[in-house]
């Protein structure tokens, strides 16, 4: 059949259009693939930095807590004894307080005196270089292999006041911890922990498929791969990985511990395939649409672009909550979804900036609150030092009592601040268990009976064993009750009363702490549990101020809230709720 000129022109331009579209798609795909590889490589470098910070963060935290705990006189005295069982018991208590898996005490000769697992006593510590680093730097956070398992070692020296040894804390870096790191990354990240020594490599733990782990050990013997060169990406069959190698601080010079971070390129590229497929489909549709009417296409294309442009302008003007309606599943719909996600990220970034400002204000406020008692303490001690020979004994005693009160203020403020910081940064995880609330109330109230009796305050707890058990973290709830009762005692005059009671509904237990104290003015109640509360600022000048903030955080961690009802001169009532467990107290016992 002979085609006329019009048909031949139509076919010619149709073929030319398809050729241009095909070439464009191939070029865009290649450029996009190269850009994606470079982008993934950059993201992998950033993930490497985050991974290193998260990996070492727990060790640094444990080092700080351990240094505080080993400075305790009783603990140092225990370590100075020759009884290995007593030392092991002290180490178990230390490990429990900092939630560590294993603890050692090493004497000055490098011998292990006590091991919480009772397996390595009277043997030499396998990482003497780490002991030297801890001695020189005050701590050491390193990685080393023990019993074919990778551990993160936190080592601090014990001073009494001269060095008497080292305490070593071992936390295993296993598959579970690797999976936790993976969940924190938005990338399809694979993590392997590898031991390198003398031309050999051994995988300690890895999230790679098993058939790729053997390939990784071979790649680690390649100098280009170890030097993180881009062309050293490992590929095998259906797997194509972009890799980065991070050397970890090793407990010994040989072997070396490294972390290999890898991104499966095929999985990272998968979200882009719908875009390429849709583009190919649009190429065929474009032939028909181009013949049917370019005006209609221009109108339909310009409408979402105008909406996107208007939304972008509003977002640039500060409206970070701008959202575009998603009315289709095509490229414009995905573009709208992408813009909405970007707007959500902008809103989150704005919130992070606000939290950062609050954090700076927090630091400034705490610094100011600590400065007053410290300045007073320094002034009294300096006066006593300069006038030690001429100052009367009675005035010396007054100065010492004043200094002790200031020290108590600083200690109380630091303790409450430490607890609040742990709750704020999410380091305190819930360990819920079923327990009888009546028994806990009895234990907590008994701790304050002596102080209450000395001030002739009637402290009573309504104990109802028939109540259902609570399902909560018993340690945190004990701290919450301690804060509330201590707060009630400090604000109840002599001869007053404090009453603790518990009621239950279908799903929650309600705990009330009522006192006959001085009460709280109505204008202070709305912001009573806020950082900027005037009462909190006033209490911080007296060595406290964070107790109610800690109480509020603990209540929120358990899915509840704390409420307060107070009247000046008549007392206050604090009320919070806890979830009810499924079993009974009798069954629990």
Protein backbone atom coordinates (compact mmCIF):
# COMPACT_ATOMS: atom_id res chain seq x y z
CA UNK A 1 0.00 0.00 0.00
CA UNK A 2 1.32 3.38 -1.03
CA UNK A 3 1.35 5.98 1.71
CA UNK A 4 0.54 9.53 0.88
CA UNK A 5 2.80 12.42 1.74
CA UNK A 6 0.84 13.34 4.87
CA UNK A 7 1.09 9.82 6.23
CA UNK A 8 4.79 9.62 5.35
CA UNK A 9 5.41 12.96 7.12
CA UNK A 10 3.42 11.74 10.12
CA UNK A 11 5.38 8.48 10.23
CA UNK A 12 8.69 10.32 9.74
CA UNK A 13 8.08 12.70 12.64
CA UNK A 14 6.65 9.87 14.71
CA UNK A 15 9.81 7.81 14.12
CA UNK A 16 12.00 10.87 14.77
CA UNK A 17 10.09 11.58 17.96
CA UNK A 18 10.50 7.97 19.13
CA UNK A 19 14.21 7.99 18.27
CA UNK A 20 14.77 11.22 20.17
CA UNK A 21 12.74 9.93 23.11
CA UNK A 22 14.64 6.64 23.14
CA UNK A 23 18.00 8.39 23.01
CA UNK A 24 16.85 10.77 25.71
CA UNK A 25 15.70 7.95 27.96
CA UNK A 26 18.96 6.05 27.51
CA UNK A 27 21.00 9.18 28.20
CA UNK A 28 18.91 10.18 31.18
CA UNK A 29 19.14 6.66 32.54
CA UNK A 30 22.92 6.59 32.21
CA UNK A 31 23.36 10.06 33.70
CA UNK A 32 20.88 9.29 36.46
CA UNK A 33 22.64 6.01 37.20
CA UNK A 34 26.01 7.77 37.46
CA UNK A 35 24.52 10.51 39.59
CA UNK A 36 22.80 7.93 41.78
CA UNK A 37 26.09 6.09 42.30
CA UNK A 38 27.81 9.33 43.27
CA UNK A 39 24.91 10.30 45.50
CA UNK A 40 24.89 6.90 47.17
CA UNK A 41 28.64 7.15 47.66
CA UNK A 42 28.18 10.52 49.37
CA UNK A 43 25.29 9.17 51.47
CA UNK A 44 27.42 6.20 52.38
CA UNK A 45 30.19 8.51 53.60
CA UNK A 46 27.65 10.34 55.74
CA UNK A 47 26.24 7.02 57.00
CA UNK A 48 29.79 6.03 57.88
CA UNK A 49 30.17 9.10 60.08
CA UNK A 50 26.80 8.50 61.75
CA UNK A 51 27.63 4.83 62.22
CA UNK A 52 30.93 5.66 63.90
CA UNK A 53 29.27 8.16 66.20
CA UNK A 54 26.48 5.75 67.16
CA UNK A 55 28.90 2.85 67.55
CA UNK A 56 31.17 4.76 69.91
CA UNK A 57 28.40 6.72 71.63
CA UNK A 58 27.43 3.91 73.98
CA UNK A 59 31.08 3.27 74.89
CA UNK A 60 31.62 6.95 75.68
CA UNK A 61 28.47 7.01 77.80
CA UNK A 62 29.49 3.87 79.67
CA UNK A 63 32.99 5.32 80.19
CA UNK A 64 31.52 8.46 81.75
CA UNK A 65 29.16 6.53 84.02
CA UNK A 66 31.86 4.03 84.98
CA UNK A 67 34.31 6.81 85.91
CA UNK A 68 31.67 8.28 88.22
CA UNK A 69 30.84 4.93 89.83
CA UNK A 70 34.44 3.77 90.37
CA UNK A 71 35.18 7.07 92.12
CA UNK A 72 32.89 5.96 94.97
CA UNK A 73 34.93 5.33 98.14
CA UNK A 74 33.10 2.11 98.99
CA UNK A 75 33.64 0.72 95.53
CA UNK A 76 37.35 1.60 95.58
CA UNK A 77 37.68 0.01 99.01
CA UNK A 78 36.08 -3.17 97.70
CA UNK A 79 38.47 -3.30 94.75
CA UNK A 80 41.37 -2.84 97.15
CA UNK A 81 40.46 -6.04 98.98
CA UNK A 82 41.91 -9.39 98.04
CA UNK A 83 38.63 -11.28 97.93
CA UNK A 84 37.87 -12.02 94.28
CA UNK A 85 34.25 -12.95 95.03
CA UNK A 86 33.62 -9.64 96.79
CA UNK A 87 35.19 -7.74 93.89
CA UNK A 88 33.13 -9.76 91.38
CA UNK A 89 29.96 -8.92 93.32
CA UNK A 90 30.84 -5.20 93.21
CA UNK A 91 31.51 -5.49 89.50
CA UNK A 92 28.14 -7.19 88.94
CA UNK A 93 26.42 -4.34 90.77
CA UNK A 94 28.33 -1.80 88.64
CA UNK A 95 27.42 -3.67 85.44
CA UNK A 96 23.78 -3.76 86.49
CA UNK A 97 23.69 0.00 87.13
CA UNK A 98 25.13 0.87 83.73
CA UNK A 99 23.35 -2.02 81.96
CA UNK A 100 26.55 -3.68 80.81
CA UNK A 101 26.98 -7.31 79.82
CA UNK A 102 30.33 -8.10 81.40
CA UNK A 103 32.86 -6.43 83.69
CA UNK A 104 36.47 -7.13 84.72
CA UNK A 105 38.88 -5.76 87.30
CA UNK A 106 42.56 -5.85 86.27
CA UNK A 107 45.34 -5.17 88.75
CA UNK A 108 48.47 -3.14 88.05
CA UNK A 109 50.35 -6.24 86.82
CA UNK A 110 47.79 -6.78 84.06
CA UNK A 111 46.22 -9.83 85.76
CA UNK A 112 42.43 -10.23 85.82
CA UNK A 113 41.42 -10.27 89.49
CA UNK A 114 37.66 -10.67 88.97
CA UNK A 115 35.35 -11.44 86.06
CA UNK A 116 31.55 -11.23 86.33
CA UNK A 117 31.31 -14.47 84.33
CA UNK A 118 33.91 -16.19 86.56
CA UNK A 119 35.89 -17.55 83.64
CA UNK A 120 39.07 -15.46 83.27
CA UNK A 121 40.27 -14.86 86.83
CA UNK A 122 44.02 -15.10 87.47
CA UNK A 123 44.84 -14.78 83.76
CA UNK A 124 46.48 -11.95 81.91
CA UNK A 125 44.30 -9.31 80.27
CA UNK A 126 44.41 -9.89 76.51
CA UNK A 127 44.62 -6.19 75.59
CA UNK A 128 47.53 -4.59 77.49
CA UNK A 129 47.79 -1.75 74.95
CA UNK A 130 44.24 -0.71 75.84
CA UNK A 131 45.20 -0.56 79.52
CA UNK A 132 48.08 1.76 78.67
CA UNK A 133 45.78 3.98 76.60
CA UNK A 134 43.26 4.16 79.47
CA UNK A 135 46.09 5.02 81.89
CA UNK A 136 47.34 7.84 79.67
CA UNK A 137 44.01 9.24 78.51
CA UNK A 138 41.80 8.53 81.53
CA UNK A 139 39.67 6.10 79.49
CA UNK A 140 39.76 3.85 76.44
CA UNK A 141 36.91 2.86 74.12
CA UNK A 142 38.21 0.15 71.79
CA UNK A 143 37.07 -2.98 69.97
CA UNK A 144 38.53 -6.43 70.39
CA UNK A 145 37.67 -10.10 69.98
CA UNK A 146 37.28 -12.38 72.99
CA UNK A 147 36.17 -16.01 72.65
CA UNK A 148 35.52 -15.43 68.92
CA UNK A 149 33.03 -12.67 69.75
CA UNK A 150 33.44 -8.98 69.02
CA UNK A 151 33.18 -6.70 72.05
CA UNK A 152 33.25 -2.97 72.54
CA UNK A 153 35.63 -2.45 75.47
CA UNK A 154 35.36 0.51 77.81
CA UNK A 155 38.35 0.71 80.16
CA UNK A 156 38.84 3.26 82.94
CA UNK A 157 41.56 3.41 85.59
CA UNK A 158 40.69 3.15 89.28
CA UNK A 159 42.41 5.74 91.47
CA UNK A 160 42.48 5.54 95.27
CA UNK A 161 44.05 8.19 94.91
CA UNK A 162 46.97 6.35 93.29
CA UNK A 163 46.18 3.84 90.52
CA UNK A 164 45.18 0.41 91.85
CA UNK A 165 44.03 -1.15 88.57
CA UNK A 166 41.50 -0.87 85.80
CA UNK A 167 37.81 -1.66 85.35
CA UNK A 168 36.96 -3.02 81.90
CA UNK A 169 33.36 -3.14 80.59
CA UNK A 170 32.62 -5.44 77.63
CA UNK A 171 29.56 -4.96 75.41
CA UNK A 172 29.07 -7.50 72.61
CA UNK A 173 28.63 -6.17 69.08
CA UNK A 174 26.40 -8.87 67.63
CA UNK A 175 23.86 -9.32 64.85
CA UNK A 176 21.12 -7.67 66.89
CA UNK A 177 23.12 -4.47 67.30
CA UNK A 178 24.01 -4.45 63.61
CA UNK A 179 20.31 -4.71 62.77
CA UNK A 180 19.61 -1.75 65.06
CA UNK A 181 22.10 0.35 63.10
CA UNK A 182 20.48 -0.75 59.84
CA UNK A 183 17.04 0.36 61.03
CA UNK A 184 18.37 3.85 61.75
CA UNK A 185 19.47 4.32 58.14
CA UNK A 186 17.01 5.20 55.36
CA UNK A 187 19.40 3.56 52.90
CA UNK A 188 19.40 -0.18 52.00
CA UNK A 189 22.49 -0.54 54.14
CA UNK A 190 24.40 -3.74 54.87
CA UNK A 191 26.91 -3.78 57.76
CA UNK A 192 29.70 -6.27 58.41
CA UNK A 193 32.20 -6.35 61.28
CA UNK A 194 35.45 -7.96 60.12
CA UNK A 195 38.78 -8.89 61.69
CA UNK A 196 41.85 -8.32 59.47
CA UNK A 197 45.24 -9.81 60.24
CA UNK A 198 48.33 -10.79 58.19
CA UNK A 199 46.65 -11.35 54.82
CA UNK A 200 43.57 -12.95 56.34
CA UNK A 201 40.08 -11.73 57.05
CA UNK A 202 37.32 -13.13 59.23
CA UNK A 203 33.72 -11.93 59.43
CA UNK A 204 32.60 -11.54 63.03
CA UNK A 205 29.02 -10.51 62.27
CA UNK A 206 27.31 -9.39 59.10
CA UNK A 207 23.89 -8.58 57.66
CA UNK A 208 24.97 -9.67 54.16
CA UNK A 209 23.48 -12.77 52.53
CA UNK A 210 25.58 -15.81 53.30
CA UNK A 211 26.76 -16.26 49.73
CA UNK A 212 28.07 -12.69 49.73
CA UNK A 213 30.01 -13.00 52.99
CA UNK A 214 32.61 -15.26 51.37
CA UNK A 215 32.90 -12.77 48.52
CA UNK A 216 33.48 -9.99 51.06
CA UNK A 217 36.38 -11.81 52.73
CA UNK A 218 38.05 -12.12 49.31
CA UNK A 219 37.44 -8.46 48.50
CA UNK A 220 39.05 -7.40 51.78
CA UNK A 221 42.34 -8.83 50.52
CA UNK A 222 42.17 -6.38 47.59
CA UNK A 223 44.20 -3.22 48.30
CA UNK A 224 41.98 -1.02 46.08
CA UNK A 225 38.89 -2.20 47.94
CA UNK A 226 40.43 -1.61 51.36
CA UNK A 227 41.45 1.92 50.31
CA UNK A 228 37.78 2.71 49.53
CA UNK A 229 38.34 3.46 45.86
CA UNK A 230 35.00 3.94 43.99
CA UNK A 231 35.98 1.47 41.26
CA UNK A 232 36.46 -1.18 43.92
CA UNK A 233 32.71 -1.77 44.35
CA UNK A 234 32.04 -5.49 44.71
CA UNK A 235 29.67 -7.16 42.27
CA UNK A 236 28.52 -10.74 41.97
CA UNK A 237 25.54 -11.99 40.00
CA UNK A 238 22.39 -10.20 41.11
CA UNK A 239 24.29 -8.23 43.76
CA UNK A 240 26.04 -4.92 43.17
CA UNK A 241 27.37 -3.12 46.25
CA UNK A 242 28.95 0.25 46.88
CA UNK A 243 31.24 -0.13 49.86
CA UNK A 244 33.03 1.88 52.51
CA UNK A 245 35.49 0.52 55.06
CA UNK A 246 35.79 2.12 58.47
CA UNK A 247 38.66 1.26 60.75
CA UNK A 248 37.55 1.02 64.36
CA UNK A 249 39.77 1.76 67.36
CA UNK A 250 41.23 -1.69 68.00
CA UNK A 251 42.19 -3.03 71.38
CA UNK A 252 45.40 -4.44 69.87
CA UNK A 253 47.66 -3.45 66.99
CA UNK A 254 47.03 -6.80 65.30
CA UNK A 255 44.45 -7.89 64.32
CA UNK A 256 42.60 -4.82 63.02
CA UNK A 257 38.84 -4.48 63.45
CA UNK A 258 36.98 -2.82 60.57
CA UNK A 259 33.35 -2.11 59.78
CA UNK A 260 32.30 -2.54 56.15
CA UNK A 261 29.26 -0.47 55.15
CA UNK A 262 27.65 -1.40 51.85
CA UNK A 263 24.65 -0.31 49.83
CA UNK A 264 22.91 -2.72 47.46
CA UNK A 265 22.75 -0.58 44.33
CA UNK A 266 19.93 -2.60 42.76
CA UNK A 267 17.72 -2.07 45.79
CA UNK A 268 18.61 1.62 45.91
CA UNK A 269 17.79 1.97 42.23
CA UNK A 270 14.46 0.13 42.48
CA UNK A 271 12.37 3.22 43.41
CA UNK A 272 13.53 4.93 40.21
CA UNK A 273 12.36 2.19 37.88
CA UNK A 274 8.68 3.26 38.02
CA UNK A 275 9.82 6.70 36.86
CA UNK A 276 11.74 5.23 33.92
CA UNK A 277 8.88 2.90 33.03
CA UNK A 278 6.38 5.72 33.23
CA UNK A 279 8.64 7.82 31.00
CA UNK A 280 8.74 5.05 28.41
CA UNK A 281 4.96 4.79 28.53
CA UNK A 282 4.64 8.51 28.17
CA UNK A 283 6.77 8.31 25.03
CA UNK A 284 4.10 6.21 23.28
CA UNK A 285 1.32 8.29 24.74
CA UNK A 286 3.09 11.42 23.56
CA UNK A 287 2.77 10.33 19.94
CA UNK A 288 -1.00 10.26 20.21
CA UNK A 289 -1.24 13.31 22.41
CA UNK A 290 1.04 15.32 20.06
CA UNK A 291 -1.27 14.54 17.16
CA UNK A 292 -4.42 15.14 19.22
CA UNK A 293 -3.52 18.54 20.58
CA UNK A 294 -0.51 20.15 22.20
CA UNK A 295 -2.69 22.83 23.71
CA UNK A 296 -4.50 20.36 25.97
CA UNK A 297 -1.19 18.87 27.07
CA UNK A 298 0.25 22.28 27.86
CA UNK A 299 -2.81 23.14 29.93
CA UNK A 300 -2.74 19.86 31.87
CA UNK A 301 1.02 20.04 32.38
CA UNK A 302 1.06 23.65 33.50
CA UNK A 303 -1.65 23.24 36.15
CA UNK A 304 0.34 21.04 38.59
CA UNK A 305 3.49 22.99 37.81
CA UNK A 306 1.73 26.20 38.80
CA UNK A 307 0.48 24.54 41.97
CA UNK A 308 3.99 23.32 42.76
CA UNK A 309 5.48 26.75 42.05
CA UNK A 310 2.90 28.46 44.27
CA UNK A 311 3.47 25.96 47.07
CA UNK A 312 7.23 26.43 46.74
CA UNK A 313 6.87 30.20 47.04
CA UNK A 314 4.68 29.82 50.14
CA UNK A 315 7.23 27.47 51.68
CA UNK A 316 10.05 29.93 50.94
CA UNK A 317 8.01 32.61 52.68
CA UNK A 318 7.97 30.51 55.85
CA UNK A 319 4.85 28.36 55.53
CA UNK A 320 6.61 25.00 56.07
CA UNK A 321 3.26 23.19 56.52
CA UNK A 322 2.34 23.71 52.87
CA UNK A 323 0.90 20.58 51.24
CA UNK A 324 -0.08 19.85 47.64
CA UNK A 325 -3.12 17.65 46.97
CA UNK A 326 -2.14 14.38 45.31
CA UNK A 327 -4.78 13.75 42.67
CA UNK A 328 -3.01 11.23 40.42
CA UNK A 329 -0.54 8.36 40.38
CA UNK A 330 1.59 9.67 37.52
CA UNK A 331 4.83 11.64 37.64
CA UNK A 332 3.06 14.77 38.88
CA UNK A 333 1.42 12.80 41.66
CA UNK A 334 4.77 11.40 42.70
CA UNK A 335 6.27 14.88 42.38
CA UNK A 336 3.54 16.22 44.67
CA UNK A 337 4.22 13.42 47.14
CA UNK A 338 7.95 14.20 46.96
CA UNK A 339 7.25 17.89 47.57
CA UNK A 340 4.97 17.02 50.49
CA UNK A 341 7.71 14.87 51.98
CA UNK A 342 10.20 17.70 51.47
CA UNK A 343 7.80 20.11 53.16
CA UNK A 344 7.43 17.65 56.04
CA UNK A 345 11.22 17.43 56.30
CA UNK A 346 11.39 21.23 56.33
CA UNK A 347 8.84 21.28 59.15
CA UNK A 348 10.87 18.68 61.05
CA UNK A 349 14.03 20.71 60.49
CA UNK A 350 12.27 23.79 61.81
CA UNK A 351 11.19 21.79 64.87
CA UNK A 352 14.78 20.58 65.35
CA UNK A 353 15.98 24.18 65.21
CA UNK A 354 13.44 25.09 67.87
CA UNK A 355 14.56 22.17 70.05
CA UNK A 356 18.17 23.21 69.54
CA UNK A 357 17.32 26.71 70.76
CA UNK A 358 15.57 25.18 73.76
CA UNK A 359 18.61 23.02 74.43
CA UNK A 360 20.90 26.07 74.38
CA UNK A 361 18.52 27.88 76.73
CA UNK A 362 18.53 24.78 78.92
CA UNK A 363 22.32 24.72 79.11
CA UNK A 364 22.45 28.45 79.85
CA UNK A 365 19.82 28.13 82.60
CA UNK A 366 21.53 25.15 84.22
CA UNK A 367 24.88 26.93 84.11
CA UNK A 368 23.33 29.91 85.85
CA UNK A 369 21.61 27.71 88.44
CA UNK A 370 24.84 25.88 89.23
CA UNK A 371 26.92 29.06 89.39
CA UNK A 372 25.18 30.48 92.49
CA UNK A 373 25.79 27.58 94.96
CA UNK A 374 29.25 26.94 93.53
CA UNK A 375 30.24 30.59 93.95
CA UNK A 376 28.94 30.59 97.50
CA UNK A 377 30.76 27.32 98.27
CA UNK A 378 33.99 28.66 96.80
CA UNK A 379 33.71 31.87 98.81
CA UNK A 380 33.23 30.12 102.15
CA UNK A 381 36.04 27.64 101.51
CA UNK A 382 38.41 30.39 100.36
CA UNK A 383 37.61 32.43 103.47
CA UNK A 384 38.30 29.43 105.70
CA UNK A 385 41.58 28.79 103.93
CA UNK A 386 42.82 32.36 104.26
CA UNK A 387 41.64 32.83 107.87
CA UNK A 388 42.23 29.30 109.12
CA UNK A 389 44.46 30.53 111.97
CA UNK A 390 42.39 33.52 113.11
CA UNK A 391 38.80 32.35 112.49
CA UNK A 392 37.00 31.27 115.71
CA UNK A 393 35.92 27.63 115.94
CA UNK A 394 32.24 28.55 116.06
CA UNK A 395 32.47 30.56 112.85
CA UNK A 396 34.43 27.73 111.23
CA UNK A 397 31.60 25.36 112.08
CA UNK A 398 29.06 27.81 110.64
CA UNK A 399 31.11 28.15 107.49
CA UNK A 400 31.41 24.38 107.17
CA UNK A 401 27.67 23.90 107.66
CA UNK A 402 26.94 26.53 105.03
CA UNK A 403 29.42 24.91 102.62
CA UNK A 404 27.84 21.51 103.21
CA UNK A 405 24.38 22.93 102.46
CA UNK A 406 25.66 24.42 99.21
CA UNK A 407 27.32 21.11 98.32
CA UNK A 408 24.03 19.32 98.99
CA UNK A 409 22.25 21.77 96.67
CA UNK A 410 24.75 21.13 93.87
CA UNK A 411 24.55 17.35 94.39
CA UNK A 412 20.75 17.35 94.35
CA UNK A 413 20.61 19.57 91.28
CA UNK A 414 23.16 17.43 89.42
CA UNK A 415 21.33 14.19 90.28
CA UNK A 416 17.96 15.50 89.11
CA UNK A 417 19.57 16.98 85.99
CA UNK A 418 21.25 13.63 85.23
CA UNK A 419 17.93 11.78 85.51
CA UNK A 420 16.12 14.37 83.40
CA UNK A 421 18.85 14.27 80.71
CA UNK A 422 18.58 10.47 80.46
CA UNK A 423 14.81 10.72 80.03
CA UNK A 424 15.09 13.59 77.51
CA UNK A 425 17.64 11.87 75.21
CA UNK A 426 15.81 8.54 75.20
CA UNK A 427 18.56 6.52 76.90
CA UNK A 428 16.09 5.30 79.54
CA UNK A 429 14.08 2.48 78.01
CA UNK A 430 11.04 0.94 79.68
CA UNK A 431 11.41 -2.49 81.28
CA UNK A 432 7.75 -3.19 82.08
CA UNK A 433 6.82 -5.95 84.49
CA UNK A 434 3.83 -7.00 86.53
CA UNK A 435 4.05 -5.92 90.17
CA UNK A 436 1.79 -5.28 93.12
CA UNK A 437 1.40 -1.54 93.51
CA UNK A 438 0.42 -1.83 97.18
CA UNK A 439 3.75 -3.41 98.05
CA UNK A 440 5.65 -0.71 96.17
CA UNK A 441 3.69 2.04 97.95
CA UNK A 442 4.50 0.44 101.29
CA UNK A 443 8.23 0.24 100.50
CA UNK A 444 8.44 3.84 99.26
CA UNK A 445 6.38 5.32 102.09
CA UNK A 446 8.50 3.52 104.70
CA UNK A 447 11.61 5.31 103.43
CA UNK A 448 10.07 8.64 104.43
CA UNK A 449 8.47 7.60 107.73
CA UNK A 450 11.44 8.70 109.84
CA UNK A 451 11.65 12.13 108.22
CA UNK A 452 7.88 12.52 108.57
CA UNK A 453 7.91 11.53 112.24
CA UNK A 454 10.69 13.99 113.02
CA UNK A 455 8.48 16.77 111.69
CA UNK A 456 5.27 15.28 113.18
CA UNK A 457 3.77 14.80 109.73
CA UNK A 458 1.17 12.05 109.38
CA UNK A 459 2.35 10.05 106.32
CA UNK A 460 -0.15 7.30 105.44
CA UNK A 461 -0.50 4.98 102.46
CA UNK A 462 -3.80 3.31 101.66
CA UNK A 463 -2.68 -0.25 100.89
CA UNK A 464 -5.24 -2.32 98.98
CA UNK A 465 -3.82 -5.76 98.06
CA UNK A 466 -6.99 -6.65 96.14
CA UNK A 467 -6.13 -4.14 93.42
CA UNK A 468 -4.97 -5.59 90.09
CA UNK A 469 -1.21 -5.46 89.41
CA UNK A 470 0.38 -2.67 87.42
CA UNK A 471 2.24 -3.22 84.15
CA UNK A 472 5.09 -0.68 84.26
CA UNK A 473 8.78 -0.15 84.91
CA UNK A 474 8.97 -0.61 88.67
CA UNK A 475 12.26 1.31 88.98
CA UNK A 476 10.90 4.40 87.21
CA UNK A 477 7.60 4.28 89.11
CA UNK A 478 9.53 4.07 92.38
CA UNK A 479 11.47 7.17 91.35
CA UNK A 480 8.22 8.95 90.42
CA UNK A 481 6.64 8.18 93.80
CA UNK A 482 9.85 9.14 95.61
CA UNK A 483 9.89 12.55 93.90
CA UNK A 484 6.22 13.22 94.68
CA UNK A 485 6.47 12.22 98.36
CA UNK A 486 9.74 14.10 98.84
CA UNK A 487 8.18 17.17 97.23
CA UNK A 488 5.14 16.85 99.51
CA UNK A 489 7.34 16.56 102.62
CA UNK A 490 9.35 19.65 101.72
CA UNK A 491 6.20 21.75 101.26
CA UNK A 492 4.14 20.44 104.18
CA UNK A 493 4.59 22.28 107.50
CA UNK A 494 5.18 20.47 110.78
CA UNK A 495 2.05 18.74 112.07
CA UNK A 496 0.57 18.33 108.57
CA UNK A 497 -0.45 15.19 106.73
CA UNK A 498 0.34 13.32 103.52
CA UNK A 499 -2.00 10.63 102.19
CA UNK A 500 -1.33 8.19 99.33
CA UNK A 501 -4.20 6.25 97.77
CA UNK A 502 -4.88 4.05 94.72
CA UNK A 503 -8.06 3.49 92.73
CA UNK A 504 -8.72 1.47 89.59
CA UNK A 505 -11.00 1.58 86.60
CA UNK A 506 -11.29 -0.91 83.73
CA UNK A 507 -7.84 -0.38 82.23
CA UNK A 508 -5.85 2.02 84.44
CA UNK A 509 -4.67 2.41 88.02
CA UNK A 510 -4.88 5.92 89.47
CA UNK A 511 -2.41 6.93 92.20
CA UNK A 512 -3.08 10.03 94.33
CA UNK A 513 -0.55 11.83 96.54
CA UNK A 514 -2.36 14.44 98.64
CA UNK A 515 -0.76 16.76 101.21
CA UNK A 516 -1.89 19.56 103.51
CA UNK A 517 1.02 21.79 102.55
CA UNK A 518 1.30 25.39 101.46
CA UNK A 519 -0.34 24.78 98.10
CA UNK A 520 0.39 26.28 94.68
CA UNK A 521 -0.93 29.53 93.28
CA UNK A 522 -3.40 29.07 90.36
CA UNK A 523 -1.24 31.07 87.92
CA UNK A 524 1.60 28.55 88.34
CA UNK A 525 -0.45 25.39 87.68
CA UNK A 526 -0.58 25.48 83.83
CA UNK A 527 3.23 25.55 83.52
CA UNK A 528 4.07 23.52 86.62
CA UNK A 529 5.76 20.71 84.66
CA UNK A 530 7.52 22.99 82.14
CA UNK A 531 11.19 23.86 82.11
CA UNK A 532 10.37 27.57 82.21
CA UNK A 533 8.06 27.28 85.21
CA UNK A 534 8.71 30.09 87.75
CA UNK A 535 8.46 27.53 90.56
CA UNK A 536 11.12 25.36 88.88
CA UNK A 537 13.48 28.32 88.60
CA UNK A 538 12.88 29.17 92.25
CA UNK A 539 13.46 25.56 93.32
CA UNK A 540 16.70 25.35 91.34
CA UNK A 541 18.09 28.17 93.47
CA UNK A 542 17.56 25.83 96.44
CA UNK A 543 19.26 22.83 94.84
CA UNK A 544 16.32 21.21 93.00
CA UNK A 545 13.74 22.17 90.45
CA UNK A 546 13.85 19.14 88.14
CA UNK A 547 11.83 16.69 90.25
CA UNK A 548 8.43 17.50 88.71
CA UNK A 549 9.94 17.50 85.20
CA UNK A 550 11.25 13.96 85.85
CA UNK A 551 7.84 12.93 87.19
CA UNK A 552 6.08 14.22 84.08
CA UNK A 553 8.55 12.46 81.73
CA UNK A 554 8.13 9.12 83.54
CA UNK A 555 4.32 9.39 83.45
CA UNK A 556 4.39 10.14 79.72
CA UNK A 557 6.74 7.19 79.07
CA UNK A 558 4.02 4.94 80.50
CA UNK A 559 1.34 6.41 78.26
CA UNK A 560 -0.24 8.49 80.97
CA UNK A 561 -0.29 12.02 82.30
CA UNK A 562 0.10 13.62 85.70
CA UNK A 563 -2.50 16.04 87.00
CA UNK A 564 -2.38 18.47 89.89
CA UNK A 565 -5.09 20.14 91.95
CA UNK A 566 -3.91 22.70 94.49
CA UNK A 567 -5.11 25.60 96.60
CA UNK A 568 -3.00 28.06 98.51
CA UNK A 569 -2.87 27.26 102.19
CA UNK A 570 -4.89 24.03 101.79
CA UNK A 571 -2.43 21.67 100.11
CA UNK A 572 -1.97 19.91 96.77
CA UNK A 573 -3.00 16.64 95.16
CA UNK A 574 -0.93 14.99 92.41
CA UNK A 575 -2.60 12.26 90.39
CA UNK A 576 -1.21 9.96 87.68
CA UNK A 577 -2.26 6.70 86.01
CA UNK A 578 -0.62 3.39 85.07
CA UNK A 579 -1.79 0.49 82.85
CA UNK A 580 -3.29 -2.58 84.53
CA UNK A 581 -1.62 -5.95 83.95
CA UNK A 582 -3.60 -9.01 82.92
CA UNK A 583 -2.65 -11.17 85.92
CA UNK A 584 -3.29 -10.66 89.65
CA UNK A 585 -0.90 -9.91 92.46
CA UNK A 586 -1.47 -13.36 93.90
CA UNK A 587 -0.47 -15.04 90.67
CA UNK A 588 2.59 -12.86 90.43
CA UNK A 589 3.74 -13.96 93.85
